[in-house]
């Protein structure tokens, strides 16, 4: 009997092959969750604002140009994002905002901060404040137009 033909070595070879297959399977999964959805926010990118500024959105932050808020959560089905201002923000430090946005179209979308200065994440989630997206370039955001962002 050779060393490669012993039961212990055969078990190690089978276990090693199984482990290698499992590792290859895990490596091929990428950033997908179990439901097949990724954690990448559809608005990620650098944007030019209709108000003359530049905003940068990642899956974890929203840089409005005057402060960088944490992107706490987003719901792409409802087109809602919830942000939290940093503790050192000039206004509404450490408080939450609820943002509604339109579906991106041709690298452009509109957003409206429908509620801000909220004390908790739950208050932002359950806020009943809404905006009218019928004609965002003309109004519907608390008496103002929505902010329009175009991809740079």
C-alpha atoms as a PDB file:
ATOM      1  CA  UNK A   1       0.000   0.000   0.000  1.00  0.00           C
ATOM      2  CA  UNK A   2       1.449   3.373  -1.007  1.00  0.00           C
ATOM      3  CA  UNK A   3       1.128   6.490   1.126  1.00  0.00           C
ATOM      4  CA  UNK A   4      -1.348   8.073  -1.374  1.00  0.00           C
ATOM      5  CA  UNK A   5      -3.572   5.028  -1.176  1.00  0.00           C
ATOM      6  CA  UNK A   6      -4.207   5.036   2.581  1.00  0.00           C
ATOM      7  CA  UNK A   7      -7.737   5.812   3.856  1.00  0.00           C
ATOM      8  CA  UNK A   8      -6.493   8.828   5.851  1.00  0.00           C
ATOM      9  CA  UNK A   9      -4.842  10.396   2.792  1.00  0.00           C
ATOM     10  CA  UNK A  10      -7.902   9.741   0.606  1.00  0.00           C
ATOM     11  CA  UNK A  11     -10.115  11.490   3.222  1.00  0.00           C
ATOM     12  CA  UNK A  12      -7.734  14.472   3.292  1.00  0.00           C
ATOM     13  CA  UNK A  13      -7.803  14.695  -0.506  1.00  0.00           C
ATOM     14  CA  UNK A  14     -11.614  14.593  -0.593  1.00  0.00           C
ATOM     15  CA  UNK A  15     -11.854  17.173   2.209  1.00  0.00           C
ATOM     16  CA  UNK A  16      -9.267  19.404   0.501  1.00  0.00           C
ATOM     17  CA  UNK A  17     -11.113  19.249  -2.835  1.00  0.00           C
ATOM     18  CA  UNK A  18     -14.398  20.107  -1.113  1.00  0.00           C
ATOM     19  CA  UNK A  19     -12.812  23.037   0.720  1.00  0.00           C
ATOM     20  CA  UNK A  20     -11.304  24.332  -2.526  1.00  0.00           C
ATOM     21  CA  UNK A  21     -14.682  24.154  -4.281  1.00  0.00           C
ATOM     22  CA  UNK A  22     -16.312  26.004  -1.388  1.00  0.00           C
ATOM     23  CA  UNK A  23     -13.658  28.737  -1.465  1.00  0.00           C
ATOM     24  CA  UNK A  24     -14.031  29.207  -5.203  1.00  0.00           C
ATOM     25  CA  UNK A  25     -17.814  29.437  -4.755  1.00  0.00           C
ATOM     26  CA  UNK A  26     -17.460  32.075  -2.044  1.00  0.00           C
ATOM     27  CA  UNK A  27     -14.974  34.106  -4.060  1.00  0.00           C
ATOM     28  CA  UNK A  28     -17.374  34.177  -6.995  1.00  0.00           C
ATOM     29  CA  UNK A  29     -20.179  35.648  -4.916  1.00  0.00           C
ATOM     30  CA  UNK A  30     -18.911  39.238  -4.957  1.00  0.00           C
ATOM     31  CA  UNK A  31     -20.883  41.748  -2.896  1.00  0.00           C
ATOM     32  CA  UNK A  32     -24.277  40.183  -3.509  1.00  0.00           C
ATOM     33  CA  UNK A  33     -26.576  39.455  -0.601  1.00  0.00           C
ATOM     34  CA  UNK A  34     -28.470  36.191  -0.367  1.00  0.00           C
ATOM     35  CA  UNK A  35     -31.350  37.781  -2.308  1.00  0.00           C
ATOM     36  CA  UNK A  36     -29.108  38.584  -5.283  1.00  0.00           C
ATOM     37  CA  UNK A  37     -29.227  42.332  -4.656  1.00  0.00           C
ATOM     38  CA  UNK A  38     -26.053  44.359  -4.200  1.00  0.00           C
ATOM     39  CA  UNK A  39     -25.424  46.948  -1.522  1.00  0.00           C
ATOM     40  CA  UNK A  40     -24.533  49.564  -4.152  1.00  0.00           C
ATOM     41  CA  UNK A  41     -26.826  52.594  -4.082  1.00  0.00           C
ATOM     42  CA  UNK A  42     -28.126  53.505  -7.560  1.00  0.00           C
ATOM     43  CA  UNK A  43     -27.190  57.180  -7.044  1.00  0.00           C
ATOM     44  CA  UNK A  44     -23.495  56.543  -6.370  1.00  0.00           C
ATOM     45  CA  UNK A  45     -21.383  59.061  -8.276  1.00  0.00           C
ATOM     46  CA  UNK A  46     -20.351  62.691  -8.570  1.00  0.00           C
ATOM     47  CA  UNK A  47     -23.078  65.077  -9.616  1.00  0.00           C
ATOM     48  CA  UNK A  48     -23.487  68.680 -10.725  1.00  0.00           C
ATOM     49  CA  UNK A  49     -26.361  70.542  -9.060  1.00  0.00           C
ATOM     50  CA  UNK A  50     -28.768  72.946 -10.740  1.00  0.00           C
ATOM     51  CA  UNK A  51     -27.792  75.322  -7.909  1.00  0.00           C
ATOM     52  CA  UNK A  52     -24.157  75.403  -9.087  1.00  0.00           C
ATOM     53  CA  UNK A  53     -22.563  72.975  -6.648  1.00  0.00           C
ATOM     54  CA  UNK A  54     -21.121  69.494  -6.814  1.00  0.00           C
ATOM     55  CA  UNK A  55     -22.431  66.584  -4.743  1.00  0.00           C
ATOM     56  CA  UNK A  56     -20.819  63.200  -4.281  1.00  0.00           C
ATOM     57  CA  UNK A  57     -22.813  60.149  -3.223  1.00  0.00           C
ATOM     58  CA  UNK A  58     -21.363  56.829  -2.111  1.00  0.00           C
ATOM     59  CA  UNK A  59     -23.079  53.824  -0.596  1.00  0.00           C
ATOM     60  CA  UNK A  60     -22.185  55.194   2.846  1.00  0.00           C
ATOM     61  CA  UNK A  61     -22.208  58.996   2.518  1.00  0.00           C
ATOM     62  CA  UNK A  62     -23.789  61.974   0.770  1.00  0.00           C
ATOM     63  CA  UNK A  63     -21.519  64.996   0.335  1.00  0.00           C
ATOM     64  CA  UNK A  64     -23.834  67.954  -0.192  1.00  0.00           C
ATOM     65  CA  UNK A  65     -20.917  70.350  -0.728  1.00  0.00           C
ATOM     66  CA  UNK A  66     -21.380  72.019   2.651  1.00  0.00           C
ATOM     67  CA  UNK A  67     -21.447  68.914   4.859  1.00  0.00           C
ATOM     68  CA  UNK A  68     -20.882  65.190   4.432  1.00  0.00           C
ATOM     69  CA  UNK A  69     -23.763  63.205   5.916  1.00  0.00           C
ATOM     70  CA  UNK A  70     -23.765  59.495   6.598  1.00  0.00           C
ATOM     71  CA  UNK A  71     -26.071  57.597   4.256  1.00  0.00           C
ATOM     72  CA  UNK A  72     -27.774  55.487   6.904  1.00  0.00           C
ATOM     73  CA  UNK A  73     -30.109  53.567   4.600  1.00  0.00           C
ATOM     74  CA  UNK A  74     -31.850  53.725   1.264  1.00  0.00           C
ATOM     75  CA  UNK A  75     -34.848  52.118  -0.396  1.00  0.00           C
ATOM     76  CA  UNK A  76     -34.571  52.074  -4.171  1.00  0.00           C
ATOM     77  CA  UNK A  77     -38.118  50.808  -4.556  1.00  0.00           C
ATOM     78  CA  UNK A  78     -39.595  53.746  -2.633  1.00  0.00           C
ATOM     79  CA  UNK A  79     -36.843  56.161  -3.828  1.00  0.00           C
ATOM     80  CA  UNK A  80     -36.040  57.233  -0.279  1.00  0.00           C
ATOM     81  CA  UNK A  81     -32.703  57.845   1.414  1.00  0.00           C
ATOM     82  CA  UNK A  82     -32.077  58.612   5.073  1.00  0.00           C
ATOM     83  CA  UNK A  83     -28.998  60.548   6.083  1.00  0.00           C
ATOM     84  CA  UNK A  84     -27.494  61.621   9.406  1.00  0.00           C
ATOM     85  CA  UNK A  85     -25.529  64.831   9.742  1.00  0.00           C
ATOM     86  CA  UNK A  86     -22.124  64.645  11.414  1.00  0.00           C
ATOM     87  CA  UNK A  87     -21.829  65.645  15.080  1.00  0.00           C
ATOM     88  CA  UNK A  88     -19.885  68.787  14.109  1.00  0.00           C
ATOM     89  CA  UNK A  89     -22.329  70.009  11.432  1.00  0.00           C
ATOM     90  CA  UNK A  90     -23.209  73.715  11.566  1.00  0.00           C
ATOM     91  CA  UNK A  91     -26.921  72.912  11.364  1.00  0.00           C
ATOM     92  CA  UNK A  92     -28.859  69.927  12.699  1.00  0.00           C
ATOM     93  CA  UNK A  93     -25.731  68.272  14.101  1.00  0.00           C
ATOM     94  CA  UNK A  94     -26.128  64.518  14.533  1.00  0.00           C
ATOM     95  CA  UNK A  95     -29.764  64.666  13.371  1.00  0.00           C
ATOM     96  CA  UNK A  96     -31.501  62.739  10.584  1.00  0.00           C
ATOM     97  CA  UNK A  97     -33.035  63.729   7.245  1.00  0.00           C
ATOM     98  CA  UNK A  98     -35.398  61.930   4.901  1.00  0.00           C
ATOM     99  CA  UNK A  99     -34.775  62.469   1.191  1.00  0.00           C
ATOM    100  CA  UNK A 100     -37.130  61.503  -1.632  1.00  0.00           C
ATOM    101  CA  UNK A 101     -35.731  61.251  -5.144  1.00  0.00           C
ATOM    102  CA  UNK A 102     -36.942  60.577  -8.658  1.00  0.00           C
ATOM    103  CA  UNK A 103     -35.874  57.602 -10.692  1.00  0.00           C
ATOM    104  CA  UNK A 104     -32.575  58.410 -12.450  1.00  0.00           C
ATOM    105  CA  UNK A 105     -33.104  59.081 -16.162  1.00  0.00           C
ATOM    106  CA  UNK A 106     -30.309  59.836 -18.643  1.00  0.00           C
ATOM    107  CA  UNK A 107     -27.829  60.398 -15.770  1.00  0.00           C
ATOM    108  CA  UNK A 108     -30.099  62.980 -14.120  1.00  0.00           C
ATOM    109  CA  UNK A 109     -32.414  62.830 -11.132  1.00  0.00           C
ATOM    110  CA  UNK A 110     -34.155  65.188  -8.700  1.00  0.00           C
ATOM    111  CA  UNK A 111     -34.261  65.039  -4.921  1.00  0.00           C
ATOM    112  CA  UNK A 112     -36.145  66.782  -2.138  1.00  0.00           C
ATOM    113  CA  UNK A 113     -35.269  66.750   1.552  1.00  0.00           C
ATOM    114  CA  UNK A 114     -38.792  66.256   2.849  1.00  0.00           C
ATOM    115  CA  UNK A 115     -37.890  66.128   6.543  1.00  0.00           C
ATOM    116  CA  UNK A 116     -34.783  67.258   8.412  1.00  0.00           C
ATOM    117  CA  UNK A 117     -33.635  67.806  11.978  1.00  0.00           C
ATOM    118  CA  UNK A 118     -35.223  64.544  13.068  1.00  0.00           C
ATOM    119  CA  UNK A 119     -33.945  63.200  16.404  1.00  0.00           C
ATOM    120  CA  UNK A 120     -33.896  59.466  15.582  1.00  0.00           C
ATOM    121  CA  UNK A 121     -33.603  57.062  12.704  1.00  0.00           C
ATOM    122  CA  UNK A 122     -37.096  55.803  13.498  1.00  0.00           C
ATOM    123  CA  UNK A 123     -38.465  59.344  13.210  1.00  0.00           C
ATOM    124  CA  UNK A 124     -36.896  59.595   9.737  1.00  0.00           C
ATOM    125  CA  UNK A 125     -38.247  56.201   8.705  1.00  0.00           C
ATOM    126  CA  UNK A 126     -41.783  56.972   9.846  1.00  0.00           C
ATOM    127  CA  UNK A 127     -41.976  60.617   8.787  1.00  0.00           C
ATOM    128  CA  UNK A 128     -45.208  61.380   6.947  1.00  0.00           C
ATOM    129  CA  UNK A 129     -43.717  64.394   5.153  1.00  0.00           C
ATOM    130  CA  UNK A 130     -43.827  63.946   1.379  1.00  0.00           C
ATOM    131  CA  UNK A 131     -43.037  65.861  -1.773  1.00  0.00           C
ATOM    132  CA  UNK A 132     -44.885  66.204  -5.080  1.00  0.00           C
ATOM    133  CA  UNK A 133     -42.762  64.790  -7.900  1.00  0.00           C
ATOM    134  CA  UNK A 134     -45.242  65.735 -10.639  1.00  0.00           C
ATOM    135  CA  UNK A 135     -43.003  68.541 -11.962  1.00  0.00           C
ATOM    136  CA  UNK A 136     -39.887  68.708  -9.769  1.00  0.00           C
ATOM    137  CA  UNK A 137     -38.210  71.424 -11.834  1.00  0.00           C
ATOM    138  CA  UNK A 138     -41.148  73.748 -11.110  1.00  0.00           C
ATOM    139  CA  UNK A 139     -41.906  72.967  -7.443  1.00  0.00           C
ATOM    140  CA  UNK A 140     -43.329  70.381  -5.119  1.00  0.00           C
ATOM    141  CA  UNK A 141     -40.593  70.436  -2.480  1.00  0.00           C
ATOM    142  CA  UNK A 142     -41.973  72.429   0.412  1.00  0.00           C
ATOM    143  CA  UNK A 143     -42.794  75.374  -1.825  1.00  0.00           C
ATOM    144  CA  UNK A 144     -39.498  75.149  -3.764  1.00  0.00           C
ATOM    145  CA  UNK A 145     -38.154  73.259  -6.758  1.00  0.00           C
ATOM    146  CA  UNK A 146     -36.403  69.975  -6.200  1.00  0.00           C
ATOM    147  CA  UNK A 147     -32.602  69.835  -6.485  1.00  0.00           C
ATOM    148  CA  UNK A 148     -31.605  68.453  -9.883  1.00  0.00           C
ATOM    149  CA  UNK A 149     -28.370  66.477 -10.119  1.00  0.00           C
ATOM    150  CA  UNK A 150     -26.653  65.540 -13.382  1.00  0.00           C
ATOM    151  CA  UNK A 151     -23.805  63.021 -13.472  1.00  0.00           C
ATOM    152  CA  UNK A 152     -20.350  64.461 -14.063  1.00  0.00           C
END
